[in-house]
Amino acid sequence: MKNLLKILMGITFLSLTFFLTNCDSPLSDEPLNDPSKISPTLIVERTYDNAKTLKGEAIAHLFDKNLNLVKIKDGGVSVNGTHMHVEYYITGGPYYETTGDYPIYQNTQYTITVIMSNGVEYDSIIRTQHQDLHTFNIPATFSHTDSIQVTWGDIIPDDNVWIEFSYDDQSGSGVNMVYVPEDSVETGSYTIPADKFTDLAGKTVQAKLVSEKVESANSHFKDTATISSQYAVIKQCQIN
């Protein structure tokens, strides 16, 4: 099971990398009835933001074989019966998400349904973690030449864990991903090497600790399809 989770996590990281740069798929231009042509990455997320406010949402990225994003013509995506709206990245790639604050509860089953052009529905199911995540300690200010220690609490040892450092300013936007090794997850502590901050010097970043439970999505999709429950905490940092 651990090996499967590692494989699925690798797919998740690949998805995070590509959805920031890819475009609208040709599959969006015509009716799509064959689920095996897409690889959805389906997420329900429960997050404490920088103001310690709890927020929830569901997000769906539908990838084609070239990792471009698909909008299903005359179809769509829903979560527990709630319709998800289509949004677009600056690169033109479409994705689906809930609007406003969609409640994500602990130890609760969520069904994300992908509706094809012919109306046929394909369900993927995940149960959220029974234990909340709301503790993440990271220095508010540090140098890009420093290795820094971060700590957390309440992460389930079997979860995949990583930290995203994201920015969006006049120079542009970007995300640096730092994977937390499996043997560090349950210790509640990890030292991030300085080389992870080289291109973040002088930036104000959102540091997001993510703890993820991930499973395979509906078997009718490509075998890389996943559904996950992500708990997260966001802290703002200044990297000098």
C-alpha atoms as a PDB file:
ATOM      1  CA  MET A   1       0.000   0.000   0.000  1.00  0.00           C
ATOM      2  CA  LYS A   2       2.868   2.361   0.812  1.00  0.00           C
ATOM      3  CA  ASN A   3       4.391   1.806  -2.630  1.00  0.00           C
ATOM      4  CA  LEU A   4       1.036   2.583  -4.250  1.00  0.00           C
ATOM      5  CA  LEU A   5       0.769   5.808  -2.253  1.00  0.00           C
ATOM      6  CA  LYS A   6       4.253   6.837  -3.368  1.00  0.00           C
ATOM      7  CA  ILE A   7       3.317   6.248  -7.009  1.00  0.00           C
ATOM      8  CA  LEU A   8       0.089   8.201  -6.650  1.00  0.00           C
ATOM      9  CA  MET A   9       1.904  11.025  -4.882  1.00  0.00           C
ATOM     10  CA  GLY A  10       4.362  11.216  -7.764  1.00  0.00           C
ATOM     11  CA  ILE A  11       1.397  11.609 -10.082  1.00  0.00           C
ATOM     12  CA  THR A  12       0.008  14.358  -7.855  1.00  0.00           C
ATOM     13  CA  PHE A  13       3.301  16.279  -8.021  1.00  0.00           C
ATOM     14  CA  LEU A  14       3.371  15.840 -11.794  1.00  0.00           C
ATOM     15  CA  SER A  15      -0.149  17.211 -11.988  1.00  0.00           C
ATOM     16  CA  LEU A  16       0.723  20.207  -9.811  1.00  0.00           C
ATOM     17  CA  THR A  17       3.636  21.000 -12.112  1.00  0.00           C
ATOM     18  CA  PHE A  18       1.730  20.732 -15.372  1.00  0.00           C
ATOM     19  CA  PHE A  19      -1.556  22.464 -14.545  1.00  0.00           C
ATOM     20  CA  LEU A  20       0.368  25.707 -14.054  1.00  0.00           C
ATOM     21  CA  THR A  21       1.679  25.644 -17.626  1.00  0.00           C
ATOM     22  CA  ASN A  22      -0.632  23.635 -19.844  1.00  0.00           C
ATOM     23  CA  CYS A  23      -3.399  24.644 -22.239  1.00  0.00           C
ATOM     24  CA  ASP A  24      -6.910  23.697 -23.242  1.00  0.00           C
ATOM     25  CA  SER A  25      -7.118  20.175 -24.698  1.00  0.00           C
ATOM     26  CA  PRO A  26      -8.561  19.464 -28.174  1.00  0.00           C
ATOM     27  CA  LEU A  27     -10.906  17.064 -26.349  1.00  0.00           C
ATOM     28  CA  SER A  28     -12.763  20.139 -25.051  1.00  0.00           C
ATOM     29  CA  ASP A  29     -13.990  20.960 -28.560  1.00  0.00           C
ATOM     30  CA  GLU A  30     -16.126  17.889 -29.169  1.00  0.00           C
ATOM     31  CA  PRO A  31     -18.465  15.610 -27.207  1.00  0.00           C
ATOM     32  CA  LEU A  32     -16.489  13.339 -24.882  1.00  0.00           C
ATOM     33  CA  ASN A  33     -18.073  10.036 -23.881  1.00  0.00           C
ATOM     34  CA  ASP A  34     -15.050   7.794 -23.342  1.00  0.00           C
ATOM     35  CA  PRO A  35     -13.717   8.168 -19.772  1.00  0.00           C
ATOM     36  CA  SER A  36     -10.540   6.259 -20.637  1.00  0.00           C
ATOM     37  CA  LYS A  37      -9.332   9.316 -22.578  1.00  0.00           C
ATOM     38  CA  ILE A  38      -8.906  11.406 -19.425  1.00  0.00           C
ATOM     39  CA  SER A  39      -6.974  11.209 -16.175  1.00  0.00           C
ATOM     40  CA  PRO A  40      -8.746  13.275 -13.507  1.00  0.00           C
ATOM     41  CA  THR A  41      -6.940  14.634 -10.459  1.00  0.00           C
ATOM     42  CA  LEU A  42      -9.776  15.161  -7.978  1.00  0.00           C
ATOM     43  CA  ILE A  43      -9.220  16.946  -4.658  1.00  0.00           C
ATOM     44  CA  VAL A  44     -11.226  17.916  -1.604  1.00  0.00           C
ATOM     45  CA  GLU A  45      -9.238  20.359   0.528  1.00  0.00           C
ATOM     46  CA  ARG A  46      -9.630  21.658   4.080  1.00  0.00           C
ATOM     47  CA  THR A  47      -7.332  24.634   4.750  1.00  0.00           C
ATOM     48  CA  TYR A  48      -6.483  27.026   7.570  1.00  0.00           C
ATOM     49  CA  ASP A  49      -5.310  30.196   5.840  1.00  0.00           C
ATOM     50  CA  ASN A  50      -2.826  32.786   7.049  1.00  0.00           C
ATOM     51  CA  ALA A  51      -5.556  34.417   9.161  1.00  0.00           C
ATOM     52  CA  LYS A  52      -6.317  31.014  10.773  1.00  0.00           C
ATOM     53  CA  THR A  53      -9.679  30.934   8.986  1.00  0.00           C
ATOM     54  CA  LEU A  54     -10.919  27.467   8.021  1.00  0.00           C
ATOM     55  CA  LYS A  55     -11.901  27.149   4.366  1.00  0.00           C
ATOM     56  CA  GLY A  56     -12.936  24.265   2.147  1.00  0.00           C
ATOM     57  CA  GLU A  57     -13.154  23.546  -1.559  1.00  0.00           C
ATOM     58  CA  ALA A  58     -13.205  20.800  -4.155  1.00  0.00           C
ATOM     59  CA  ILE A  59     -11.123  20.997  -7.328  1.00  0.00           C
ATOM     60  CA  ALA A  60     -11.004  18.801 -10.433  1.00  0.00           C
ATOM     61  CA  HIS A  61      -8.352  18.804 -13.153  1.00  0.00           C
ATOM     62  CA  LEU A  62      -9.143  16.539 -16.112  1.00  0.00           C
ATOM     63  CA  PHE A  63      -5.965  15.748 -18.058  1.00  0.00           C
ATOM     64  CA  ASP A  64      -5.718  14.286 -21.544  1.00  0.00           C
ATOM     65  CA  LYS A  65      -2.837  12.032 -22.679  1.00  0.00           C
ATOM     66  CA  ASN A  66      -0.650  15.087 -23.287  1.00  0.00           C
ATOM     67  CA  LEU A  67      -1.399  16.551 -19.845  1.00  0.00           C
ATOM     68  CA  ASN A  68      -3.543  19.338 -21.263  1.00  0.00           C
ATOM     69  CA  LEU A  69      -6.720  20.203 -19.384  1.00  0.00           C
ATOM     70  CA  VAL A  70     -10.163  19.147 -20.559  1.00  0.00           C
ATOM     71  CA  LYS A  71     -13.550  20.814 -20.233  1.00  0.00           C
ATOM     72  CA  ILE A  72     -16.249  18.244 -20.990  1.00  0.00           C
ATOM     73  CA  LYS A  73     -18.626  19.599 -23.611  1.00  0.00           C
ATOM     74  CA  ASP A  74     -22.234  19.343 -22.326  1.00  0.00           C
ATOM     75  CA  GLY A  75     -20.882  17.582 -19.234  1.00  0.00           C
ATOM     76  CA  GLY A  76     -19.323  18.638 -15.961  1.00  0.00           C
ATOM     77  CA  VAL A  77     -18.172  17.725 -12.461  1.00  0.00           C
ATOM     78  CA  SER A  78     -19.987  17.708  -9.113  1.00  0.00           C
ATOM     79  CA  VAL A  79     -19.106  16.917  -5.500  1.00  0.00           C
ATOM     80  CA  ASN A  80     -21.746  15.304  -3.270  1.00  0.00           C
ATOM     81  CA  GLY A  81     -24.351  16.628  -5.713  1.00  0.00           C
ATOM     82  CA  THR A  82     -23.005  20.212  -5.741  1.00  0.00           C
ATOM     83  CA  HIS A  83     -22.204  21.526  -9.226  1.00  0.00           C
ATOM     84  CA  MET A  84     -18.580  22.630  -9.734  1.00  0.00           C
ATOM     85  CA  HIS A  85     -17.917  25.656 -11.949  1.00  0.00           C
ATOM     86  CA  VAL A  86     -15.407  25.925 -14.788  1.00  0.00           C
ATOM     87  CA  GLU A  87     -12.477  28.298 -14.283  1.00  0.00           C
ATOM     88  CA  TYR A  88      -9.437  28.980 -16.478  1.00  0.00           C
ATOM     89  CA  TYR A  89      -5.734  29.398 -15.789  1.00  0.00           C
ATOM     90  CA  ILE A  90      -3.899  32.257 -17.434  1.00  0.00           C
ATOM     91  CA  THR A  91      -2.504  29.723 -19.915  1.00  0.00           C
ATOM     92  CA  GLY A  92      -6.062  28.896 -21.028  1.00  0.00           C
ATOM     93  CA  GLY A  93      -6.382  25.528 -19.329  1.00  0.00           C
ATOM     94  CA  PRO A  94      -9.841  24.847 -17.829  1.00  0.00           C
ATOM     95  CA  TYR A  95     -10.489  23.260 -14.468  1.00  0.00           C
ATOM     96  CA  TYR A  96     -13.487  22.752 -12.158  1.00  0.00           C
ATOM     97  CA  GLU A  97     -13.943  24.032  -8.609  1.00  0.00           C
ATOM     98  CA  THR A  98     -16.589  24.798  -6.032  1.00  0.00           C
ATOM     99  CA  THR A  99     -17.454  28.457  -5.448  1.00  0.00           C
ATOM    100  CA  GLY A 100     -17.241  30.276  -2.138  1.00  0.00           C
ATOM    101  CA  ASP A 101     -16.489  28.264   0.977  1.00  0.00           C
ATOM    102  CA  TYR A 102     -17.511  24.642   0.423  1.00  0.00           C
ATOM    103  CA  PRO A 103     -17.456  22.809   3.786  1.00  0.00           C
ATOM    104  CA  ILE A 104     -15.021  19.908   4.062  1.00  0.00           C
ATOM    105  CA  TYR A 105     -15.580  17.945   7.265  1.00  0.00           C
ATOM    106  CA  GLN A 106     -13.355  15.437   9.052  1.00  0.00           C
ATOM    107  CA  ASN A 107     -13.982  11.703   8.606  1.00  0.00           C
ATOM    108  CA  THR A 108     -16.642  12.339   5.961  1.00  0.00           C
ATOM    109  CA  GLN A 109     -17.224  10.655   2.605  1.00  0.00           C
ATOM    110  CA  TYR A 110     -17.064  12.810  -0.524  1.00  0.00           C
ATOM    111  CA  THR A 111     -18.092  11.627  -3.973  1.00  0.00           C
ATOM    112  CA  ILE A 112     -16.746  13.545  -6.955  1.00  0.00           C
ATOM    113  CA  THR A 113     -18.756  12.764 -10.085  1.00  0.00           C
ATOM    114  CA  VAL A 114     -17.502  13.367 -13.626  1.00  0.00           C
ATOM    115  CA  ILE A 115     -20.403  13.690 -16.091  1.00  0.00           C
ATOM    116  CA  MET A 116     -19.588  12.854 -19.699  1.00  0.00           C
ATOM    117  CA  SER A 117     -21.203  14.518 -22.734  1.00  0.00           C
ATOM    118  CA  ASN A 118     -23.800  11.738 -23.018  1.00  0.00           C
ATOM    119  CA  GLY A 119     -24.839  12.181 -19.380  1.00  0.00           C
ATOM    120  CA  VAL A 120     -23.150   9.021 -18.077  1.00  0.00           C
ATOM    121  CA  GLU A 121     -21.683   9.615 -14.612  1.00  0.00           C
ATOM    122  CA  TYR A 122     -18.484   8.206 -13.101  1.00  0.00           C
ATOM    123  CA  ASP A 123     -18.078   8.446  -9.323  1.00  0.00           C
ATOM    124  CA  SER A 124     -14.829   8.542  -7.357  1.00  0.00           C
ATOM    125  CA  ILE A 125     -15.008   8.337  -3.562  1.00  0.00           C
ATOM    126  CA  ILE A 126     -12.724   9.483  -0.743  1.00  0.00           C
ATOM    127  CA  ARG A 127     -13.213   9.647   3.028  1.00  0.00           C
ATOM    128  CA  THR A 128     -11.438  12.569   4.651  1.00  0.00           C
ATOM    129  CA  GLN A 129      -8.925  12.109   7.450  1.00  0.00           C
ATOM    130  CA  HIS A 130     -10.323  11.663  10.959  1.00  0.00           C
ATOM    131  CA  GLN A 131      -7.673  13.949  12.444  1.00  0.00           C
ATOM    132  CA  ASP A 132      -7.488  17.677  11.708  1.00  0.00           C
ATOM    133  CA  LEU A 133      -4.345  19.604  10.791  1.00  0.00           C
ATOM    134  CA  HIS A 134      -3.962  23.146  12.115  1.00  0.00           C
ATOM    135  CA  THR A 135      -0.405  23.440  13.482  1.00  0.00           C
ATOM    136  CA  PHE A 136       2.476  24.518  11.217  1.00  0.00           C
ATOM    137  CA  ASN A 137       5.500  26.393  12.543  1.00  0.00           C
ATOM    138  CA  ILE A 138       7.889  28.158  10.176  1.00  0.00           C
ATOM    139  CA  PRO A 139       9.981  31.336  10.671  1.00  0.00           C
ATOM    140  CA  ALA A 140       8.157  34.456   9.504  1.00  0.00           C
ATOM    141  CA  THR A 141      11.410  35.865   8.097  1.00  0.00           C
ATOM    142  CA  PHE A 142      14.593  34.098   7.030  1.00  0.00           C
ATOM    143  CA  SER A 143      17.442  34.308   4.515  1.00  0.00           C
ATOM    144  CA  HIS A 144      17.480  32.348   1.264  1.00  0.00           C
ATOM    145  CA  THR A 145      20.941  31.121   2.311  1.00  0.00           C
ATOM    146  CA  ASP A 146      19.590  29.485   5.485  1.00  0.00           C
ATOM    147  CA  SER A 147      18.407  25.945   6.023  1.00  0.00           C
ATOM    148  CA  ILE A 148      15.290  26.217   8.178  1.00  0.00           C
ATOM    149  CA  GLN A 149      13.502  23.836  10.492  1.00  0.00           C
ATOM    150  CA  VAL A 150       9.731  23.549  10.222  1.00  0.00           C
ATOM    151  CA  THR A 151       7.492  21.671  12.640  1.00  0.00           C
ATOM    152  CA  TRP A 152       3.872  20.558  12.690  1.00  0.00           C
ATOM    153  CA  GLY A 153       1.357  18.633  14.715  1.00  0.00           C
ATOM    154  CA  ASP A 154      -1.411  16.093  14.211  1.00  0.00           C
ATOM    155  CA  ILE A 155      -0.347  14.701  10.817  1.00  0.00           C
ATOM    156  CA  ILE A 156      -1.430  11.104  10.231  1.00  0.00           C
ATOM    157  CA  PRO A 157       1.780   9.071   9.613  1.00  0.00           C
ATOM    158  CA  ASP A 158       0.398   7.346   6.501  1.00  0.00           C
ATOM    159  CA  ASP A 159      -0.335  10.665   4.781  1.00  0.00           C
ATOM    160  CA  ASN A 160       1.883  12.131   2.082  1.00  0.00           C
ATOM    161  CA  VAL A 161       3.307  15.477   3.209  1.00  0.00           C
ATOM    162  CA  TRP A 162       4.852  18.366   1.316  1.00  0.00           C
ATOM    163  CA  ILE A 163       5.307  22.138   1.526  1.00  0.00           C
ATOM    164  CA  GLU A 164       4.494  24.567  -1.282  1.00  0.00           C
ATOM    165  CA  PHE A 165       6.196  27.967  -1.412  1.00  0.00           C
ATOM    166  CA  SER A 166       4.136  30.127  -3.771  1.00  0.00           C
ATOM    167  CA  TYR A 167       4.380  33.769  -4.843  1.00  0.00           C
ATOM    168  CA  ASP A 168       2.528  36.126  -7.151  1.00  0.00           C
ATOM    169  CA  ASP A 169       4.032  39.596  -7.585  1.00  0.00           C
ATOM    170  CA  GLN A 170       5.222  42.053 -10.230  1.00  0.00           C
ATOM    171  CA  SER A 171       8.007  39.690 -11.237  1.00  0.00           C
ATOM    172  CA  GLY A 172       5.531  36.908 -11.985  1.00  0.00           C
ATOM    173  CA  SER A 173       4.305  33.856 -10.113  1.00  0.00           C
ATOM    174  CA  GLY A 174       5.588  30.427  -9.206  1.00  0.00           C
ATOM    175  CA  VAL A 175       5.508  27.479  -6.830  1.00  0.00           C
ATOM    176  CA  ASN A 176       8.432  25.636  -5.236  1.00  0.00           C
ATOM    177  CA  MET A 177       7.597  22.160  -3.942  1.00  0.00           C
ATOM    178  CA  VAL A 178       9.421  20.530  -1.035  1.00  0.00           C
ATOM    179  CA  TYR A 179       8.646  16.861  -0.376  1.00  0.00           C
ATOM    180  CA  VAL A 180       8.867  15.740   3.261  1.00  0.00           C
ATOM    181  CA  PRO A 181      10.543  12.313   3.431  1.00  0.00           C
ATOM    182  CA  GLU A 182       8.452   9.503   4.859  1.00  0.00           C
ATOM    183  CA  ASP A 183      10.761   8.986   7.847  1.00  0.00           C
ATOM    184  CA  SER A 184      10.341  12.656   8.838  1.00  0.00           C
ATOM    185  CA  VAL A 185       6.542  12.808   8.655  1.00  0.00           C
ATOM    186  CA  GLU A 186       5.702  11.335  12.034  1.00  0.00           C
ATOM    187  CA  THR A 187       8.606  13.063  13.825  1.00  0.00           C
ATOM    188  CA  GLY A 188       6.795  16.384  13.365  1.00  0.00           C
ATOM    189  CA  SER A 189       9.914  18.132  12.128  1.00  0.00           C
ATOM    190  CA  TYR A 190      11.939  18.625   8.944  1.00  0.00           C
ATOM    191  CA  THR A 191      14.894  20.826   8.004  1.00  0.00           C
ATOM    192  CA  ILE A 192      14.487  22.347   4.540  1.00  0.00           C
ATOM    193  CA  PRO A 193      17.847  22.802   2.805  1.00  0.00           C
ATOM    194  CA  ALA A 194      18.822  26.312   1.712  1.00  0.00           C
ATOM    195  CA  ASP A 195      19.012  25.365  -1.974  1.00  0.00           C
ATOM    196  CA  LYS A 196      15.197  25.182  -2.041  1.00  0.00           C
ATOM    197  CA  PHE A 197      15.077  28.970  -1.537  1.00  0.00           C
ATOM    198  CA  THR A 198      17.645  30.116  -4.105  1.00  0.00           C
ATOM    199  CA  ASP A 199      15.118  31.574  -6.552  1.00  0.00           C
ATOM    200  CA  LEU A 200      12.856  32.940  -3.782  1.00  0.00           C
ATOM    201  CA  ALA A 201      15.260  35.601  -2.491  1.00  0.00           C
ATOM    202  CA  GLY A 202      13.500  38.893  -1.803  1.00  0.00           C
ATOM    203  CA  LYS A 203      10.025  37.430  -2.111  1.00  0.00           C
ATOM    204  CA  THR A 204       7.017  37.291   0.170  1.00  0.00           C
ATOM    205  CA  VAL A 205       5.692  33.742  -0.110  1.00  0.00           C
ATOM    206  CA  GLN A 206       2.771  31.684   1.076  1.00  0.00           C
ATOM    207  CA  ALA A 207       4.160  28.573   2.765  1.00  0.00           C
ATOM    208  CA  LYS A 208       1.552  25.831   2.610  1.00  0.00           C
ATOM    209  CA  LEU A 209       1.945  22.579   4.529  1.00  0.00           C
ATOM    210  CA  VAL A 210      -0.144  19.833   2.909  1.00  0.00           C
ATOM    211  CA  SER A 211      -1.045  16.438   4.356  1.00  0.00           C
ATOM    212  CA  GLU A 212      -2.661  14.219   1.737  1.00  0.00           C
ATOM    213  CA  LYS A 213      -4.607  10.975   1.746  1.00  0.00           C
ATOM    214  CA  VAL A 214      -4.687   9.745  -1.859  1.00  0.00           C
ATOM    215  CA  GLU A 215      -6.442   6.871  -3.614  1.00  0.00           C
ATOM    216  CA  SER A 216      -7.117   5.722  -7.164  1.00  0.00           C
ATOM    217  CA  ALA A 217     -10.121   7.317  -8.877  1.00  0.00           C
ATOM    218  CA  ASN A 218     -12.835   5.493 -10.832  1.00  0.00           C
ATOM    219  CA  SER A 219     -11.301   2.586 -12.777  1.00  0.00           C
ATOM    220  CA  HIS A 220     -12.952   3.684 -16.045  1.00  0.00           C
ATOM    221  CA  PHE A 221     -10.491   6.605 -16.247  1.00  0.00           C
ATOM    222  CA  LYS A 222      -6.821   6.268 -17.135  1.00  0.00           C
ATOM    223  CA  ASP A 223      -4.996   4.340 -14.422  1.00  0.00           C
ATOM    224  CA  THR A 224      -3.165   7.526 -13.381  1.00  0.00           C
ATOM    225  CA  ALA A 225      -6.423   9.114 -12.170  1.00  0.00           C
ATOM    226  CA  THR A 226      -6.508   9.983  -8.458  1.00  0.00           C
ATOM    227  CA  ILE A 227      -8.836  11.336  -5.802  1.00  0.00           C
ATOM    228  CA  SER A 228      -7.412  12.826  -2.632  1.00  0.00           C
ATOM    229  CA  SER A 229      -8.270  14.528   0.620  1.00  0.00           C
ATOM    230  CA  GLN A 230      -5.834  17.306   1.454  1.00  0.00           C
ATOM    231  CA  TYR A 231      -5.585  19.084   4.797  1.00  0.00           C
ATOM    232  CA  ALA A 232      -3.422  22.206   4.766  1.00  0.00           C
ATOM    233  CA  VAL A 233      -2.140  25.158   6.789  1.00  0.00           C
ATOM    234  CA  ILE A 234      -0.858  28.379   5.197  1.00  0.00           C
ATOM    235  CA  LYS A 235       1.692  30.768   6.712  1.00  0.00           C
ATOM    236  CA  GLN A 236       3.154  33.919   5.132  1.00  0.00           C
ATOM    237  CA  CYS A 237       6.942  34.265   5.051  1.00  0.00           C
ATOM    238  CA  GLN A 238       9.471  36.862   3.937  1.00  0.00           C
ATOM    239  CA  ILE A 239      12.570  35.357   2.342  1.00  0.00           C
ATOM    240  CA  ASN A 240      15.500  37.778   2.277  1.00  0.00           C
END
